Amino acid sequence: YLDGMQLEREGRFKDAVQAYRQAADAGNGHAQRKLGDIYGTGRDGVPVDYETSLRWYRRAREQGLAAPLPYSYSPVPRQDMSPAK
């Protein structure tokens, strides 16, 4: 994770993402949170991918870190989207 931060400060964003990924895969919650942020906003060639972002945030929460939760629209009733019979 610290290597990723240093690489990001040096402007080597693609290398930083790789370092964050290695740390995140090894269980580093801070790296997992960082990847959630990166995929949630997209940056320097990393496309926005909300599904991946939420997976990394979930893993960070499992490590005990504060991380965003998916939006909940509970007041809106879910509609049955199954085909009509």
N, C-alpha and C. Protein backbone atom coordinates (compact mmCIF):
# COMPACT_ATOMS: atom_id res chain seq x y z
N TYR A 1 0.82 -1.18 0.00
CA TYR A 1 0.00 0.00 0.00
C TYR A 1 0.87 1.25 0.00
N LEU A 2 1.88 1.25 0.82
CA LEU A 2 2.77 2.42 0.88
C LEU A 2 3.52 2.60 -0.43
N ASP A 3 3.89 1.49 -1.06
CA ASP A 3 4.53 1.59 -2.39
C ASP A 3 3.57 2.25 -3.39
N GLY A 4 2.30 1.87 -3.34
CA GLY A 4 1.32 2.46 -4.23
C GLY A 4 1.18 3.96 -4.01
N MET A 5 1.17 4.36 -2.76
CA MET A 5 1.07 5.79 -2.45
C MET A 5 2.27 6.55 -3.02
N GLN A 6 3.46 5.97 -2.85
CA GLN A 6 4.67 6.63 -3.36
C GLN A 6 4.64 6.71 -4.88
N LEU A 7 4.25 5.63 -5.53
CA LEU A 7 4.17 5.62 -6.99
C LEU A 7 3.14 6.65 -7.48
N GLU A 8 2.05 6.78 -6.76
CA GLU A 8 1.03 7.75 -7.15
C GLU A 8 1.58 9.17 -7.01
N ARG A 9 2.32 9.43 -5.93
CA ARG A 9 2.94 10.76 -5.75
C ARG A 9 3.91 11.08 -6.87
N GLU A 10 4.57 10.05 -7.38
CA GLU A 10 5.54 10.23 -8.46
C GLU A 10 4.85 10.36 -9.83
N GLY A 11 3.54 10.24 -9.85
CA GLY A 11 2.82 10.34 -11.11
C GLY A 11 2.77 9.05 -11.90
N ARG A 12 3.14 7.96 -11.29
CA ARG A 12 3.16 6.66 -11.96
C ARG A 12 1.88 5.90 -11.58
N PHE A 13 0.76 6.40 -12.07
CA PHE A 13 -0.53 5.92 -11.61
C PHE A 13 -0.79 4.46 -11.95
N LYS A 14 -0.46 4.03 -13.15
CA LYS A 14 -0.69 2.63 -13.51
C LYS A 14 0.11 1.68 -12.61
N ASP A 15 1.34 2.05 -12.31
CA ASP A 15 2.16 1.24 -11.39
C ASP A 15 1.57 1.29 -9.98
N ALA A 16 1.02 2.44 -9.60
CA ALA A 16 0.41 2.58 -8.28
C ALA A 16 -0.79 1.66 -8.15
N VAL A 17 -1.62 1.61 -9.19
CA VAL A 17 -2.80 0.74 -9.15
C VAL A 17 -2.37 -0.71 -9.00
N GLN A 18 -1.32 -1.08 -9.70
CA GLN A 18 -0.81 -2.45 -9.59
C GLN A 18 -0.34 -2.74 -8.16
N ALA A 19 0.36 -1.80 -7.56
CA ALA A 19 0.83 -1.97 -6.18
C ALA A 19 -0.34 -2.04 -5.21
N TYR A 20 -1.34 -1.18 -5.40
CA TYR A 20 -2.53 -1.24 -4.55
C TYR A 20 -3.22 -2.59 -4.69
N ARG A 21 -3.29 -3.09 -5.92
CA ARG A 21 -3.94 -4.37 -6.17
C ARG A 21 -3.22 -5.51 -5.45
N GLN A 22 -1.88 -5.49 -5.50
CA GLN A 22 -1.11 -6.53 -4.81
C GLN A 22 -1.36 -6.47 -3.30
N ALA A 23 -1.35 -5.26 -2.76
CA ALA A 23 -1.59 -5.10 -1.32
C ALA A 23 -3.02 -5.50 -0.97
N ALA A 24 -3.98 -5.11 -1.81
CA ALA A 24 -5.38 -5.44 -1.56
C ALA A 24 -5.61 -6.94 -1.60
N ASP A 25 -5.01 -7.61 -2.58
CA ASP A 25 -5.14 -9.06 -2.69
C ASP A 25 -4.53 -9.76 -1.48
N ALA A 26 -3.54 -9.12 -0.85
CA ALA A 26 -2.90 -9.68 0.34
C ALA A 26 -3.67 -9.35 1.62
N GLY A 27 -4.80 -8.60 1.47
CA GLY A 27 -5.65 -8.32 2.62
C GLY A 27 -5.50 -6.95 3.24
N ASN A 28 -4.78 -6.04 2.58
CA ASN A 28 -4.62 -4.69 3.12
C ASN A 28 -5.90 -3.89 2.90
N GLY A 29 -6.58 -3.56 3.99
CA GLY A 29 -7.85 -2.84 3.91
C GLY A 29 -7.72 -1.45 3.32
N HIS A 30 -6.62 -0.77 3.60
CA HIS A 30 -6.43 0.58 3.05
C HIS A 30 -6.28 0.54 1.53
N ALA A 31 -5.59 -0.48 1.04
CA ALA A 31 -5.46 -0.64 -0.41
C ALA A 31 -6.80 -1.01 -1.03
N GLN A 32 -7.58 -1.82 -0.33
CA GLN A 32 -8.89 -2.19 -0.82
C GLN A 32 -9.79 -0.95 -0.91
N ARG A 33 -9.73 -0.11 0.11
CA ARG A 33 -10.51 1.13 0.10
C ARG A 33 -10.06 2.04 -1.05
N LYS A 34 -8.75 2.14 -1.25
CA LYS A 34 -8.20 2.98 -2.32
C LYS A 34 -8.68 2.49 -3.68
N LEU A 35 -8.67 1.17 -3.89
CA LEU A 35 -9.14 0.64 -5.17
C LEU A 35 -10.64 0.90 -5.35
N GLY A 36 -11.39 0.85 -4.26
CA GLY A 36 -12.80 1.21 -4.34
C GLY A 36 -12.98 2.64 -4.82
N ASP A 37 -12.15 3.53 -4.30
CA ASP A 37 -12.20 4.93 -4.73
C ASP A 37 -11.82 5.08 -6.20
N ILE A 38 -10.76 4.41 -6.59
CA ILE A 38 -10.25 4.52 -7.96
C ILE A 38 -11.29 4.01 -8.96
N TYR A 39 -11.84 2.82 -8.72
CA TYR A 39 -12.83 2.27 -9.66
C TYR A 39 -14.16 3.01 -9.58
N GLY A 40 -14.45 3.63 -8.46
CA GLY A 40 -15.69 4.37 -8.32
C GLY A 40 -15.70 5.69 -9.07
N THR A 41 -14.53 6.24 -9.29
CA THR A 41 -14.44 7.53 -9.97
C THR A 41 -13.78 7.43 -11.33
N GLY A 42 -13.02 6.38 -11.57
CA GLY A 42 -12.25 6.26 -12.80
C GLY A 42 -11.14 7.30 -12.79
N ARG A 43 -10.00 6.95 -13.36
CA ARG A 43 -8.89 7.89 -13.31
C ARG A 43 -7.72 7.37 -14.13
N ASP A 44 -7.10 8.24 -14.86
CA ASP A 44 -5.86 7.94 -15.58
C ASP A 44 -5.87 6.57 -16.25
N GLY A 45 -6.88 6.35 -17.07
CA GLY A 45 -6.94 5.10 -17.83
C GLY A 45 -7.68 3.98 -17.14
N VAL A 46 -8.05 4.15 -15.88
CA VAL A 46 -8.85 3.15 -15.19
C VAL A 46 -10.31 3.53 -15.38
N PRO A 47 -11.08 2.69 -16.06
CA PRO A 47 -12.48 3.05 -16.32
C PRO A 47 -13.32 2.97 -15.05
N VAL A 48 -14.38 3.74 -15.02
CA VAL A 48 -15.34 3.65 -13.91
C VAL A 48 -15.97 2.26 -13.97
N ASP A 49 -15.96 1.59 -12.83
CA ASP A 49 -16.57 0.26 -12.73
C ASP A 49 -17.16 0.16 -11.33
N TYR A 50 -18.45 0.49 -11.23
CA TYR A 50 -19.09 0.55 -9.92
C TYR A 50 -19.15 -0.81 -9.23
N GLU A 51 -19.34 -1.85 -10.00
CA GLU A 51 -19.41 -3.19 -9.42
C GLU A 51 -18.07 -3.55 -8.76
N THR A 52 -16.98 -3.30 -9.46
CA THR A 52 -15.65 -3.57 -8.90
C THR A 52 -15.39 -2.67 -7.70
N SER A 53 -15.79 -1.42 -7.81
CA SER A 53 -15.62 -0.48 -6.71
C SER A 53 -16.31 -0.99 -5.45
N LEU A 54 -17.56 -1.42 -5.59
CA LEU A 54 -18.31 -1.90 -4.44
C LEU A 54 -17.71 -3.17 -3.86
N ARG A 55 -17.16 -4.04 -4.70
CA ARG A 55 -16.50 -5.26 -4.18
C ARG A 55 -15.30 -4.89 -3.32
N TRP A 56 -14.49 -3.91 -3.79
CA TRP A 56 -13.33 -3.51 -3.00
C TRP A 56 -13.76 -2.82 -1.71
N TYR A 57 -14.80 -1.99 -1.77
CA TYR A 57 -15.30 -1.34 -0.56
C TYR A 57 -15.79 -2.38 0.45
N ARG A 58 -16.48 -3.41 -0.03
CA ARG A 58 -16.97 -4.47 0.86
C ARG A 58 -15.80 -5.16 1.55
N ARG A 59 -14.76 -5.45 0.79
CA ARG A 59 -13.59 -6.11 1.39
C ARG A 59 -12.92 -5.20 2.41
N ALA A 60 -12.88 -3.89 2.14
CA ALA A 60 -12.30 -2.96 3.11
C ALA A 60 -13.13 -2.93 4.40
N ARG A 61 -14.46 -2.95 4.26
CA ARG A 61 -15.32 -2.98 5.45
C ARG A 61 -15.08 -4.24 6.25
N GLU A 62 -14.84 -5.36 5.55
CA GLU A 62 -14.55 -6.62 6.24
C GLU A 62 -13.27 -6.52 7.06
N GLN A 63 -12.38 -5.61 6.69
CA GLN A 63 -11.13 -5.38 7.43
C GLN A 63 -11.34 -4.38 8.57
N GLY A 64 -12.57 -3.87 8.70
CA GLY A 64 -12.88 -2.94 9.77
C GLY A 64 -12.75 -1.47 9.41
N LEU A 65 -12.54 -1.17 8.13
CA LEU A 65 -12.42 0.22 7.70
C LEU A 65 -13.77 0.79 7.28
N ALA A 66 -13.90 2.07 7.43
CA ALA A 66 -15.10 2.75 6.93
C ALA A 66 -14.99 2.85 5.42
N ALA A 67 -16.03 2.42 4.74
CA ALA A 67 -16.06 2.47 3.28
C ALA A 67 -17.51 2.67 2.86
N PRO A 68 -17.73 3.35 1.76
CA PRO A 68 -19.10 3.60 1.31
C PRO A 68 -19.88 2.31 1.10
N LEU A 69 -21.16 2.41 1.36
CA LEU A 69 -22.09 1.31 1.12
C LEU A 69 -22.84 1.57 -0.18
N PRO A 70 -23.36 0.51 -0.79
CA PRO A 70 -24.18 0.74 -1.99
C PRO A 70 -25.40 1.56 -1.60
N TYR A 71 -25.87 2.36 -2.53
CA TYR A 71 -27.08 3.12 -2.29
C TYR A 71 -28.25 2.17 -2.12
N SER A 72 -29.11 2.51 -1.19
CA SER A 72 -30.30 1.72 -0.95
C SER A 72 -31.51 2.59 -1.27
N TYR A 73 -32.38 2.07 -2.07
CA TYR A 73 -33.60 2.78 -2.43
C TYR A 73 -34.79 2.04 -1.83
N SER A 74 -34.71 1.73 -0.55
CA SER A 74 -35.74 0.93 0.09
C SER A 74 -37.13 1.55 0.02
N PRO A 75 -37.29 2.89 0.04
CA PRO A 75 -38.65 3.42 -0.05
C PRO A 75 -39.31 3.16 -1.40
N VAL A 76 -38.53 2.85 -2.40
CA VAL A 76 -39.08 2.60 -3.73
C VAL A 76 -39.38 1.12 -3.85
N PRO A 77 -40.64 0.77 -4.09
CA PRO A 77 -40.96 -0.65 -4.20
C PRO A 77 -40.31 -1.27 -5.42
N ARG A 78 -39.81 -2.48 -5.25
CA ARG A 78 -39.21 -3.21 -6.37
C ARG A 78 -40.32 -3.75 -7.25
N GLN A 79 -40.15 -3.61 -8.52
CA GLN A 79 -41.15 -4.11 -9.45
C GLN A 79 -40.74 -5.49 -9.92
N ASP A 80 -41.73 -6.33 -10.12
CA ASP A 80 -41.47 -7.64 -10.66
C ASP A 80 -41.18 -7.50 -12.14
N MET A 81 -39.94 -7.85 -12.55
CA MET A 81 -39.54 -7.69 -13.94
C MET A 81 -39.59 -9.02 -14.70
N SER A 82 -40.24 -10.03 -14.10
CA SER A 82 -40.32 -11.30 -14.78
C SER A 82 -41.30 -11.20 -15.94
N PRO A 83 -41.12 -12.04 -16.95
CA PRO A 83 -42.01 -11.99 -18.12
C PRO A 83 -43.45 -12.27 -17.70
N ALA A 84 -44.38 -11.63 -18.39
CA ALA A 84 -45.80 -11.86 -18.12
C ALA A 84 -46.18 -13.28 -18.50
N LYS A 85 -47.08 -13.84 -17.74
CA LYS A 85 -47.51 -15.22 -18.01
C LYS A 85 -48.81 -15.24 -18.73
